[in-house]
N, C-alpha and C. Protein backbone atom coordinates (compact mmCIF):
# COMPACT_ATOMS: atom_id res chain seq x y z
N MET A 1 -33.71 -91.64 36.50
CA MET A 1 -32.33 -91.32 36.64
C MET A 1 -31.87 -91.47 38.09
N PHE A 2 -32.61 -90.94 38.99
CA PHE A 2 -32.28 -91.04 40.41
C PHE A 2 -33.05 -92.20 41.06
N THR A 3 -33.23 -93.18 40.34
CA THR A 3 -34.03 -94.29 40.86
C THR A 3 -33.31 -95.06 41.95
N PHE A 4 -32.00 -94.99 42.03
CA PHE A 4 -31.26 -95.71 43.05
C PHE A 4 -31.17 -94.94 44.34
N LEU A 5 -31.65 -93.67 44.37
CA LEU A 5 -31.61 -92.85 45.58
C LEU A 5 -32.93 -92.99 46.33
N PRO A 6 -32.84 -92.85 47.61
CA PRO A 6 -34.09 -92.86 48.39
C PRO A 6 -34.90 -91.60 48.07
N GLN A 7 -36.18 -91.67 48.40
CA GLN A 7 -37.14 -90.62 48.07
C GLN A 7 -36.73 -89.27 48.62
N LYS A 8 -36.27 -89.16 49.84
CA LYS A 8 -35.89 -87.90 50.46
C LYS A 8 -34.69 -87.27 49.74
N GLN A 9 -33.68 -88.07 49.47
CA GLN A 9 -32.51 -87.54 48.78
C GLN A 9 -32.86 -87.13 47.35
N ARG A 10 -33.73 -87.89 46.71
CA ARG A 10 -34.15 -87.55 45.36
C ARG A 10 -34.84 -86.19 45.34
N GLN A 11 -35.70 -85.94 46.32
CA GLN A 11 -36.39 -84.65 46.40
C GLN A 11 -35.40 -83.52 46.69
N SER A 12 -34.43 -83.74 47.54
CA SER A 12 -33.44 -82.68 47.85
C SER A 12 -32.56 -82.40 46.63
N VAL A 13 -32.19 -83.46 45.87
CA VAL A 13 -31.38 -83.26 44.66
C VAL A 13 -32.19 -82.51 43.62
N THR A 14 -33.46 -82.85 43.45
CA THR A 14 -34.33 -82.17 42.49
C THR A 14 -34.52 -80.71 42.90
N LYS A 15 -34.70 -80.48 44.20
CA LYS A 15 -34.87 -79.11 44.70
C LYS A 15 -33.59 -78.29 44.45
N GLU A 16 -32.44 -78.88 44.73
CA GLU A 16 -31.16 -78.20 44.49
C GLU A 16 -30.98 -77.90 43.00
N TYR A 17 -31.34 -78.83 42.12
CA TYR A 17 -31.27 -78.65 40.67
C TYR A 17 -32.13 -77.47 40.23
N LYS A 18 -33.35 -77.37 40.75
CA LYS A 18 -34.26 -76.28 40.40
C LYS A 18 -33.71 -74.94 40.89
N LYS A 19 -33.09 -74.92 42.08
CA LYS A 19 -32.50 -73.70 42.60
C LYS A 19 -31.37 -73.21 41.68
N ARG A 20 -30.50 -74.16 41.29
CA ARG A 20 -29.38 -73.80 40.42
C ARG A 20 -29.87 -73.34 39.05
N LEU A 21 -30.90 -74.01 38.54
CA LEU A 21 -31.47 -73.61 37.26
C LEU A 21 -32.07 -72.20 37.36
N LEU A 22 -32.76 -71.91 38.45
CA LEU A 22 -33.32 -70.58 38.68
C LEU A 22 -32.21 -69.54 38.82
N LEU A 23 -31.13 -69.89 39.50
CA LEU A 23 -30.01 -69.00 39.68
C LEU A 23 -29.36 -68.67 38.32
N ILE A 24 -29.20 -69.66 37.47
CA ILE A 24 -28.64 -69.43 36.13
C ILE A 24 -29.58 -68.54 35.32
N TYR A 25 -30.88 -68.79 35.40
CA TYR A 25 -31.87 -67.98 34.68
C TYR A 25 -31.81 -66.52 35.15
N VAL A 26 -31.76 -66.30 36.47
CA VAL A 26 -31.68 -64.93 37.01
C VAL A 26 -30.38 -64.26 36.56
N ALA A 27 -29.26 -64.99 36.56
CA ALA A 27 -27.98 -64.42 36.14
C ALA A 27 -28.03 -64.03 34.66
N LEU A 28 -28.63 -64.86 33.81
CA LEU A 28 -28.75 -64.55 32.39
C LEU A 28 -29.63 -63.32 32.15
N VAL A 29 -30.76 -63.25 32.86
CA VAL A 29 -31.65 -62.10 32.72
C VAL A 29 -30.96 -60.83 33.20
N THR A 30 -30.23 -60.93 34.31
CA THR A 30 -29.49 -59.76 34.83
C THR A 30 -28.42 -59.31 33.82
N PHE A 31 -27.67 -60.26 33.28
CA PHE A 31 -26.64 -59.93 32.30
C PHE A 31 -27.26 -59.29 31.06
N ALA A 32 -28.39 -59.82 30.58
CA ALA A 32 -29.05 -59.25 29.41
C ALA A 32 -29.55 -57.84 29.71
N GLY A 33 -30.08 -57.61 30.89
CA GLY A 33 -30.55 -56.27 31.27
C GLY A 33 -29.42 -55.27 31.34
N VAL A 34 -28.29 -55.67 31.92
CA VAL A 34 -27.14 -54.79 32.01
C VAL A 34 -26.61 -54.47 30.60
N ALA A 35 -26.53 -55.48 29.76
CA ALA A 35 -26.06 -55.26 28.38
C ALA A 35 -27.01 -54.32 27.64
N TRP A 36 -28.30 -54.47 27.85
CA TRP A 36 -29.29 -53.61 27.21
C TRP A 36 -29.12 -52.16 27.67
N ILE A 37 -28.94 -51.96 28.97
CA ILE A 37 -28.76 -50.61 29.50
C ILE A 37 -27.47 -49.99 28.97
N VAL A 38 -26.40 -50.76 28.94
CA VAL A 38 -25.13 -50.25 28.43
C VAL A 38 -25.25 -49.88 26.96
N SER A 39 -26.00 -50.64 26.20
CA SER A 39 -26.15 -50.33 24.78
C SER A 39 -27.00 -49.08 24.56
N LEU A 40 -27.82 -48.69 25.52
CA LEU A 40 -28.64 -47.49 25.39
C LEU A 40 -27.92 -46.21 25.80
N ILE A 41 -26.81 -46.31 26.48
CA ILE A 41 -26.10 -45.12 26.96
C ILE A 41 -25.68 -44.20 25.81
N PRO A 42 -25.06 -44.69 24.73
CA PRO A 42 -24.71 -43.76 23.64
C PRO A 42 -25.93 -43.06 23.03
N SER A 43 -27.03 -43.79 22.91
CA SER A 43 -28.24 -43.17 22.37
C SER A 43 -28.75 -42.07 23.31
N TYR A 44 -28.69 -42.33 24.60
CA TYR A 44 -29.13 -41.35 25.58
C TYR A 44 -28.26 -40.09 25.50
N ILE A 45 -26.95 -40.27 25.40
CA ILE A 45 -26.05 -39.13 25.32
C ILE A 45 -26.32 -38.32 24.06
N LEU A 46 -26.52 -39.02 22.94
CA LEU A 46 -26.80 -38.34 21.68
C LEU A 46 -28.10 -37.55 21.74
N VAL A 47 -29.13 -38.15 22.30
CA VAL A 47 -30.42 -37.47 22.39
C VAL A 47 -30.34 -36.25 23.29
N THR A 48 -29.65 -36.35 24.42
CA THR A 48 -29.54 -35.19 25.31
C THR A 48 -28.72 -34.08 24.65
N ALA A 49 -27.68 -34.45 23.90
CA ALA A 49 -26.89 -33.43 23.20
C ALA A 49 -27.74 -32.73 22.14
N LYS A 50 -28.53 -33.49 21.38
CA LYS A 50 -29.40 -32.89 20.36
C LYS A 50 -30.45 -31.99 21.03
N LEU A 51 -30.98 -32.42 22.16
CA LEU A 51 -31.97 -31.62 22.88
C LEU A 51 -31.35 -30.30 23.35
N ASP A 52 -30.13 -30.37 23.90
CA ASP A 52 -29.44 -29.15 24.34
C ASP A 52 -29.18 -28.23 23.16
N GLU A 53 -28.79 -28.79 22.05
CA GLU A 53 -28.54 -27.99 20.84
C GLU A 53 -29.82 -27.33 20.35
N ALA A 54 -30.93 -28.06 20.37
CA ALA A 54 -32.20 -27.49 19.94
C ALA A 54 -32.64 -26.37 20.89
N ILE A 55 -32.41 -26.55 22.15
CA ILE A 55 -32.78 -25.52 23.12
C ILE A 55 -31.92 -24.28 22.93
N ILE A 56 -30.63 -24.47 22.65
CA ILE A 56 -29.75 -23.32 22.42
C ILE A 56 -30.17 -22.57 21.17
N GLN A 57 -30.55 -23.31 20.12
CA GLN A 57 -30.97 -22.66 18.89
C GLN A 57 -32.25 -21.87 19.08
N LYS A 58 -33.11 -22.31 19.96
CA LYS A 58 -34.34 -21.56 20.22
C LYS A 58 -34.07 -20.31 21.03
N GLY A 59 -32.93 -20.29 21.74
CA GLY A 59 -32.58 -19.10 22.50
C GLY A 59 -32.91 -19.19 23.97
N THR A 60 -33.48 -20.25 24.42
CA THR A 60 -33.76 -20.39 25.84
C THR A 60 -32.54 -20.97 26.52
N PRO A 61 -32.15 -20.40 27.66
CA PRO A 61 -30.95 -20.89 28.33
C PRO A 61 -31.15 -22.29 28.90
N VAL A 62 -30.10 -23.06 28.84
CA VAL A 62 -30.11 -24.41 29.38
C VAL A 62 -29.41 -24.36 30.72
N SER A 63 -29.86 -25.15 31.66
CA SER A 63 -29.21 -25.16 32.96
C SER A 63 -27.78 -25.65 32.80
N GLY A 64 -26.85 -24.96 33.44
CA GLY A 64 -25.45 -25.35 33.37
C GLY A 64 -24.68 -24.63 32.27
N ILE A 65 -25.33 -23.85 31.42
CA ILE A 65 -24.65 -23.11 30.35
C ILE A 65 -24.74 -21.63 30.65
N ASP A 66 -23.61 -20.96 30.59
CA ASP A 66 -23.55 -19.53 30.87
C ASP A 66 -24.11 -18.75 29.68
N VAL A 67 -25.11 -17.93 29.93
CA VAL A 67 -25.75 -17.15 28.87
C VAL A 67 -24.76 -16.16 28.25
N ASN A 68 -23.81 -15.65 29.03
CA ASN A 68 -22.81 -14.72 28.50
C ASN A 68 -21.92 -15.39 27.47
N LYS A 69 -21.59 -16.67 27.70
CA LYS A 69 -20.77 -17.40 26.73
C LYS A 69 -21.53 -17.57 25.42
N ILE A 70 -22.82 -17.78 25.51
CA ILE A 70 -23.63 -17.93 24.30
C ILE A 70 -23.62 -16.62 23.52
N SER A 71 -23.79 -15.51 24.21
CA SER A 71 -23.82 -14.23 23.50
C SER A 71 -22.45 -13.91 22.91
N ASN A 72 -21.37 -14.28 23.60
CA ASN A 72 -20.03 -14.07 23.03
C ASN A 72 -19.83 -14.91 21.78
N THR A 73 -20.33 -16.12 21.81
CA THR A 73 -20.22 -17.00 20.64
C THR A 73 -21.02 -16.42 19.49
N GLU A 74 -22.20 -15.91 19.78
CA GLU A 74 -23.02 -15.31 18.73
C GLU A 74 -22.32 -14.09 18.15
N LYS A 75 -21.66 -13.30 19.00
CA LYS A 75 -20.92 -12.14 18.52
C LYS A 75 -19.78 -12.57 17.60
N GLU A 76 -19.08 -13.64 17.99
CA GLU A 76 -17.98 -14.13 17.16
C GLU A 76 -18.50 -14.64 15.81
N LEU A 77 -19.66 -15.31 15.84
CA LEU A 77 -20.24 -15.79 14.58
C LEU A 77 -20.65 -14.64 13.69
N LEU A 78 -21.25 -13.60 14.25
CA LEU A 78 -21.63 -12.44 13.46
C LEU A 78 -20.39 -11.74 12.88
N ASN A 79 -19.33 -11.68 13.67
CA ASN A 79 -18.08 -11.08 13.19
C ASN A 79 -17.51 -11.90 12.03
N ALA A 80 -17.55 -13.23 12.16
CA ALA A 80 -17.05 -14.11 11.09
C ALA A 80 -17.90 -13.96 9.84
N GLN A 81 -19.22 -13.82 10.00
CA GLN A 81 -20.09 -13.62 8.85
C GLN A 81 -19.78 -12.31 8.15
N GLY A 82 -19.47 -11.27 8.91
CA GLY A 82 -19.09 -9.98 8.32
C GLY A 82 -17.79 -10.09 7.53
N GLU A 83 -16.83 -10.83 8.08
CA GLU A 83 -15.56 -11.02 7.35
C GLU A 83 -15.78 -11.82 6.08
N LEU A 84 -16.66 -12.81 6.14
CA LEU A 84 -16.97 -13.59 4.94
C LEU A 84 -17.66 -12.73 3.89
N ALA A 85 -18.50 -11.81 4.34
CA ALA A 85 -19.18 -10.93 3.38
C ALA A 85 -18.18 -10.03 2.67
N ILE A 86 -17.11 -9.66 3.37
CA ILE A 86 -16.07 -8.84 2.74
C ILE A 86 -15.34 -9.66 1.68
N LEU A 87 -15.10 -10.95 1.96
CA LEU A 87 -14.33 -11.79 1.05
C LEU A 87 -15.15 -12.37 -0.09
N THR A 88 -16.47 -12.36 0.01
CA THR A 88 -17.33 -12.99 -1.00
C THR A 88 -17.11 -12.44 -2.40
N PRO A 89 -16.95 -11.13 -2.62
CA PRO A 89 -16.73 -10.67 -4.00
C PRO A 89 -15.47 -11.24 -4.64
N PHE A 90 -14.45 -11.53 -3.83
CA PHE A 90 -13.20 -12.04 -4.38
C PHE A 90 -13.33 -13.50 -4.81
N ILE A 91 -14.30 -14.21 -4.28
CA ILE A 91 -14.48 -15.61 -4.66
C ILE A 91 -14.92 -15.71 -6.11
N SER A 92 -15.79 -14.82 -6.53
CA SER A 92 -16.30 -14.87 -7.90
C SER A 92 -15.30 -14.32 -8.92
N GLN A 93 -14.27 -13.64 -8.48
CA GLN A 93 -13.29 -13.06 -9.40
C GLN A 93 -12.29 -14.12 -9.84
N LYS A 94 -11.74 -13.89 -11.02
CA LYS A 94 -10.73 -14.79 -11.56
C LYS A 94 -9.41 -14.52 -10.85
N PRO A 95 -8.61 -15.54 -10.64
CA PRO A 95 -7.31 -15.30 -9.98
C PRO A 95 -6.38 -14.49 -10.87
N LEU A 96 -5.56 -13.68 -10.25
CA LEU A 96 -4.64 -12.83 -11.00
C LEU A 96 -3.63 -13.66 -11.79
N SER A 97 -3.31 -14.83 -11.30
CA SER A 97 -2.37 -15.68 -12.04
C SER A 97 -2.96 -16.06 -13.40
N LEU A 98 -4.27 -16.22 -13.49
CA LEU A 98 -4.91 -16.53 -14.77
C LEU A 98 -4.81 -15.33 -15.71
N VAL A 99 -4.99 -14.13 -15.17
CA VAL A 99 -4.90 -12.91 -15.98
C VAL A 99 -3.49 -12.77 -16.55
N ILE A 100 -2.51 -12.96 -15.70
CA ILE A 100 -1.12 -12.83 -16.14
C ILE A 100 -0.77 -13.93 -17.14
N ALA A 101 -1.26 -15.14 -16.93
CA ALA A 101 -0.99 -16.24 -17.86
C ALA A 101 -1.57 -15.94 -19.23
N LYS A 102 -2.79 -15.42 -19.29
CA LYS A 102 -3.40 -15.08 -20.59
C LYS A 102 -2.60 -13.99 -21.30
N LEU A 103 -2.04 -13.09 -20.53
CA LEU A 103 -1.20 -12.04 -21.10
C LEU A 103 0.11 -12.63 -21.65
N PHE A 104 0.75 -13.49 -20.89
CA PHE A 104 2.04 -14.05 -21.30
C PHE A 104 1.91 -14.99 -22.49
N TYR A 105 0.78 -15.67 -22.63
CA TYR A 105 0.60 -16.56 -23.77
C TYR A 105 0.54 -15.79 -25.09
N ARG A 106 0.25 -14.51 -25.03
CA ARG A 106 0.10 -13.70 -26.25
C ARG A 106 1.37 -12.93 -26.62
N ILE A 107 2.43 -13.05 -25.85
CA ILE A 107 3.65 -12.29 -26.12
C ILE A 107 4.41 -12.97 -27.28
N PRO A 108 4.64 -12.22 -28.38
CA PRO A 108 5.42 -12.80 -29.50
C PRO A 108 6.92 -12.65 -29.24
N LEU A 109 7.72 -13.30 -30.08
CA LEU A 109 9.17 -13.11 -30.02
C LEU A 109 9.48 -11.67 -30.41
N GLY A 110 10.42 -11.08 -29.69
CA GLY A 110 10.79 -9.70 -29.99
C GLY A 110 10.14 -8.69 -29.06
N VAL A 111 9.30 -9.15 -28.15
CA VAL A 111 8.66 -8.25 -27.18
C VAL A 111 9.17 -8.62 -25.79
N THR A 112 9.67 -7.62 -25.08
CA THR A 112 10.14 -7.82 -23.71
C THR A 112 9.33 -6.92 -22.80
N LEU A 113 8.73 -7.51 -21.77
CA LEU A 113 7.94 -6.72 -20.82
C LEU A 113 8.83 -6.21 -19.71
N THR A 114 8.62 -4.95 -19.34
CA THR A 114 9.38 -4.37 -18.24
C THR A 114 8.53 -4.20 -16.99
N SER A 115 7.21 -4.04 -17.19
CA SER A 115 6.34 -3.92 -16.02
C SER A 115 4.90 -4.29 -16.39
N ILE A 116 4.20 -4.75 -15.37
CA ILE A 116 2.77 -5.05 -15.48
C ILE A 116 2.10 -4.44 -14.26
N ALA A 117 1.09 -3.61 -14.48
CA ALA A 117 0.34 -3.01 -13.37
C ALA A 117 -1.11 -3.47 -13.49
N LEU A 118 -1.61 -4.06 -12.41
CA LEU A 118 -2.99 -4.56 -12.38
C LEU A 118 -3.79 -3.73 -11.40
N ASN A 119 -4.99 -3.36 -11.81
CA ASN A 119 -5.91 -2.63 -10.93
C ASN A 119 -7.26 -3.30 -11.04
N ARG A 120 -7.67 -4.00 -9.99
CA ARG A 120 -8.91 -4.77 -10.03
C ARG A 120 -10.06 -3.92 -9.52
N GLY A 121 -11.11 -3.83 -10.33
CA GLY A 121 -12.33 -3.13 -9.92
C GLY A 121 -13.41 -4.15 -9.58
N GLU A 122 -14.62 -3.68 -9.34
CA GLU A 122 -15.71 -4.59 -8.99
C GLU A 122 -16.18 -5.42 -10.17
N GLU A 123 -16.31 -4.80 -11.34
CA GLU A 123 -16.79 -5.53 -12.50
C GLU A 123 -15.70 -5.76 -13.54
N LYS A 124 -14.77 -4.81 -13.65
CA LYS A 124 -13.70 -4.95 -14.63
C LYS A 124 -12.41 -4.44 -14.01
N GLY A 125 -11.31 -4.81 -14.66
CA GLY A 125 -10.02 -4.38 -14.16
C GLY A 125 -9.20 -3.74 -15.26
N ASN A 126 -8.22 -3.02 -14.86
CA ASN A 126 -7.32 -2.36 -15.80
C ASN A 126 -5.93 -2.97 -15.67
N ILE A 127 -5.30 -3.18 -16.82
CA ILE A 127 -3.94 -3.69 -16.86
C ILE A 127 -3.13 -2.72 -17.71
N VAL A 128 -1.98 -2.33 -17.22
CA VAL A 128 -1.06 -1.50 -18.00
C VAL A 128 0.22 -2.31 -18.16
N VAL A 129 0.54 -2.61 -19.42
CA VAL A 129 1.72 -3.41 -19.73
C VAL A 129 2.73 -2.49 -20.40
N SER A 130 3.94 -2.48 -19.89
CA SER A 130 5.01 -1.67 -20.48
C SER A 130 6.16 -2.59 -20.86
N GLY A 131 6.89 -2.18 -21.91
CA GLY A 131 8.00 -2.98 -22.34
C GLY A 131 8.70 -2.39 -23.54
N ILE A 132 9.46 -3.25 -24.21
CA ILE A 132 10.21 -2.83 -25.39
C ILE A 132 9.98 -3.87 -26.48
N ALA A 133 9.63 -3.39 -27.67
CA ALA A 133 9.46 -4.26 -28.83
C ALA A 133 10.61 -4.01 -29.79
N THR A 134 11.08 -5.06 -30.47
CA THR A 134 12.21 -4.89 -31.39
C THR A 134 11.84 -4.03 -32.59
N THR A 135 10.59 -4.17 -33.08
CA THR A 135 10.14 -3.37 -34.24
C THR A 135 8.71 -2.92 -34.02
N ARG A 136 8.28 -1.99 -34.87
CA ARG A 136 6.88 -1.55 -34.82
C ARG A 136 5.94 -2.69 -35.18
N ASP A 137 6.30 -3.49 -36.17
CA ASP A 137 5.45 -4.60 -36.60
C ASP A 137 5.25 -5.62 -35.46
N THR A 138 6.30 -5.88 -34.70
CA THR A 138 6.19 -6.79 -33.56
C THR A 138 5.23 -6.23 -32.53
N LEU A 139 5.31 -4.93 -32.29
CA LEU A 139 4.41 -4.28 -31.33
C LEU A 139 2.96 -4.36 -31.82
N VAL A 140 2.73 -4.13 -33.10
CA VAL A 140 1.37 -4.22 -33.65
C VAL A 140 0.85 -5.65 -33.55
N SER A 141 1.70 -6.63 -33.84
CA SER A 141 1.24 -8.03 -33.74
C SER A 141 0.91 -8.40 -32.29
N PHE A 142 1.67 -7.87 -31.34
CA PHE A 142 1.38 -8.11 -29.92
C PHE A 142 0.03 -7.49 -29.55
N SER A 143 -0.21 -6.27 -30.02
CA SER A 143 -1.47 -5.58 -29.75
C SER A 143 -2.64 -6.35 -30.35
N LYS A 144 -2.48 -6.83 -31.58
CA LYS A 144 -3.57 -7.60 -32.23
C LYS A 144 -3.79 -8.93 -31.52
N ALA A 145 -2.72 -9.56 -31.05
CA ALA A 145 -2.86 -10.82 -30.31
C ALA A 145 -3.65 -10.61 -29.01
N LEU A 146 -3.39 -9.50 -28.36
CA LEU A 146 -4.15 -9.18 -27.13
C LEU A 146 -5.61 -8.90 -27.46
N GLU A 147 -5.87 -8.21 -28.57
CA GLU A 147 -7.25 -7.95 -28.98
C GLU A 147 -7.98 -9.24 -29.33
N GLY A 148 -7.24 -10.23 -29.80
CA GLY A 148 -7.84 -11.52 -30.15
C GLY A 148 -8.24 -12.35 -28.94
N GLU A 149 -7.77 -11.99 -27.78
CA GLU A 149 -8.13 -12.71 -26.55
C GLU A 149 -9.47 -12.18 -26.06
N ALA A 150 -10.44 -13.07 -25.93
CA ALA A 150 -11.79 -12.66 -25.51
C ALA A 150 -11.82 -12.14 -24.08
N PHE A 151 -10.87 -12.56 -23.30
CA PHE A 151 -10.79 -12.15 -21.91
C PHE A 151 -10.52 -10.66 -21.77
N PHE A 152 -9.76 -10.09 -22.73
CA PHE A 152 -9.44 -8.67 -22.71
C PHE A 152 -10.49 -7.92 -23.52
N LYS A 153 -11.23 -7.05 -22.87
CA LYS A 153 -12.35 -6.35 -23.50
C LYS A 153 -11.89 -5.23 -24.43
N LYS A 154 -10.89 -4.47 -24.00
CA LYS A 154 -10.45 -3.31 -24.79
C LYS A 154 -8.93 -3.19 -24.64
N VAL A 155 -8.25 -3.07 -25.78
CA VAL A 155 -6.80 -2.93 -25.80
C VAL A 155 -6.47 -1.59 -26.46
N GLU A 156 -5.76 -0.73 -25.75
CA GLU A 156 -5.41 0.60 -26.26
C GLU A 156 -3.90 0.72 -26.41
N LEU A 157 -3.47 0.93 -27.62
CA LEU A 157 -2.06 1.16 -27.91
C LEU A 157 -1.93 2.59 -28.45
N PRO A 158 -1.42 3.52 -27.65
CA PRO A 158 -1.32 4.91 -28.11
C PRO A 158 -0.39 5.04 -29.33
N VAL A 159 -0.71 6.00 -30.17
CA VAL A 159 0.07 6.27 -31.38
C VAL A 159 1.47 6.74 -31.02
N SER A 160 1.62 7.37 -29.87
CA SER A 160 2.92 7.88 -29.45
C SER A 160 3.95 6.77 -29.28
N ASN A 161 3.48 5.53 -29.17
CA ASN A 161 4.41 4.41 -29.04
C ASN A 161 5.14 4.10 -30.34
N PHE A 162 4.69 4.66 -31.47
CA PHE A 162 5.29 4.34 -32.77
C PHE A 162 6.32 5.39 -33.22
N THR A 163 6.86 6.16 -32.31
CA THR A 163 7.81 7.20 -32.70
C THR A 163 9.15 6.64 -33.17
N LYS A 164 9.57 5.53 -32.62
CA LYS A 164 10.85 4.94 -33.00
C LYS A 164 10.61 3.79 -33.97
N GLY A 165 11.60 3.46 -34.77
CA GLY A 165 11.50 2.35 -35.71
C GLY A 165 12.02 1.05 -35.12
N ARG A 166 13.05 1.12 -34.28
CA ARG A 166 13.63 -0.08 -33.65
C ARG A 166 13.68 0.14 -32.13
N ASP A 167 13.66 -0.99 -31.39
CA ASP A 167 13.65 -0.96 -29.92
C ASP A 167 12.61 0.05 -29.40
N VAL A 168 11.37 -0.23 -29.76
CA VAL A 168 10.25 0.68 -29.50
C VAL A 168 9.75 0.49 -28.06
N PRO A 169 9.89 1.52 -27.23
CA PRO A 169 9.27 1.42 -25.89
C PRO A 169 7.76 1.62 -26.03
N PHE A 170 7.00 0.84 -25.27
CA PHE A 170 5.54 0.94 -25.39
C PHE A 170 4.89 0.82 -24.02
N SER A 171 3.62 1.24 -24.03
CA SER A 171 2.76 1.12 -22.86
C SER A 171 1.34 0.84 -23.37
N ILE A 172 0.81 -0.33 -23.08
CA ILE A 172 -0.52 -0.74 -23.55
C ILE A 172 -1.47 -0.78 -22.37
N SER A 173 -2.65 -0.16 -22.55
CA SER A 173 -3.70 -0.20 -21.52
C SER A 173 -4.75 -1.24 -21.95
N ILE A 174 -5.10 -2.10 -21.02
CA ILE A 174 -6.06 -3.17 -21.31
C ILE A 174 -7.17 -3.11 -20.28
N VAL A 175 -8.41 -3.20 -20.77
CA VAL A 175 -9.56 -3.33 -19.88
C VAL A 175 -10.02 -4.78 -19.97
N ALA A 176 -10.10 -5.46 -18.83
CA ALA A 176 -10.46 -6.87 -18.82
C ALA A 176 -11.46 -7.14 -17.71
N SER A 177 -12.15 -8.27 -17.83
CA SER A 177 -13.09 -8.66 -16.77
C SER A 177 -12.40 -9.70 -15.89
N PHE A 178 -11.98 -9.27 -14.71
CA PHE A 178 -11.36 -10.20 -13.75
C PHE A 178 -11.60 -9.75 -12.34
């Protein structure tokens, strides 16, 4: 290729070519090394964060972290756990809207409710339903409809509710699991 050049110039051109080739090789290796280091930074950050978290969980203080802040955080967590323990029984209970819905689905024509009182206990609850029925038969059918609901364990309709023949005021006590 360089056959038309004298020997000295050919050697200097070849030497310059090798220098440039070496320079390109060094630049590529440097670029690859920098890219490799940059790609390891997120992994390094993640590993150090996990290490700090593991050290905190063991209870040994980490340099740069205030031990008082850790104890305050632990106190807040214990307080939150206590509040959750208070609320846990309510999670297993049925919502009151479901109790009221089951009651309303059983109301026949001719029965008007004037009040509903709910008292929720740990295992069972009490419901007192008051109202006015147009006739005694309507009141009895309402009572039987409530007894037919499996959700209501015990339905008590006092005999004193049957004193009138029309526009009968009543008060029914129901024991239910809610």
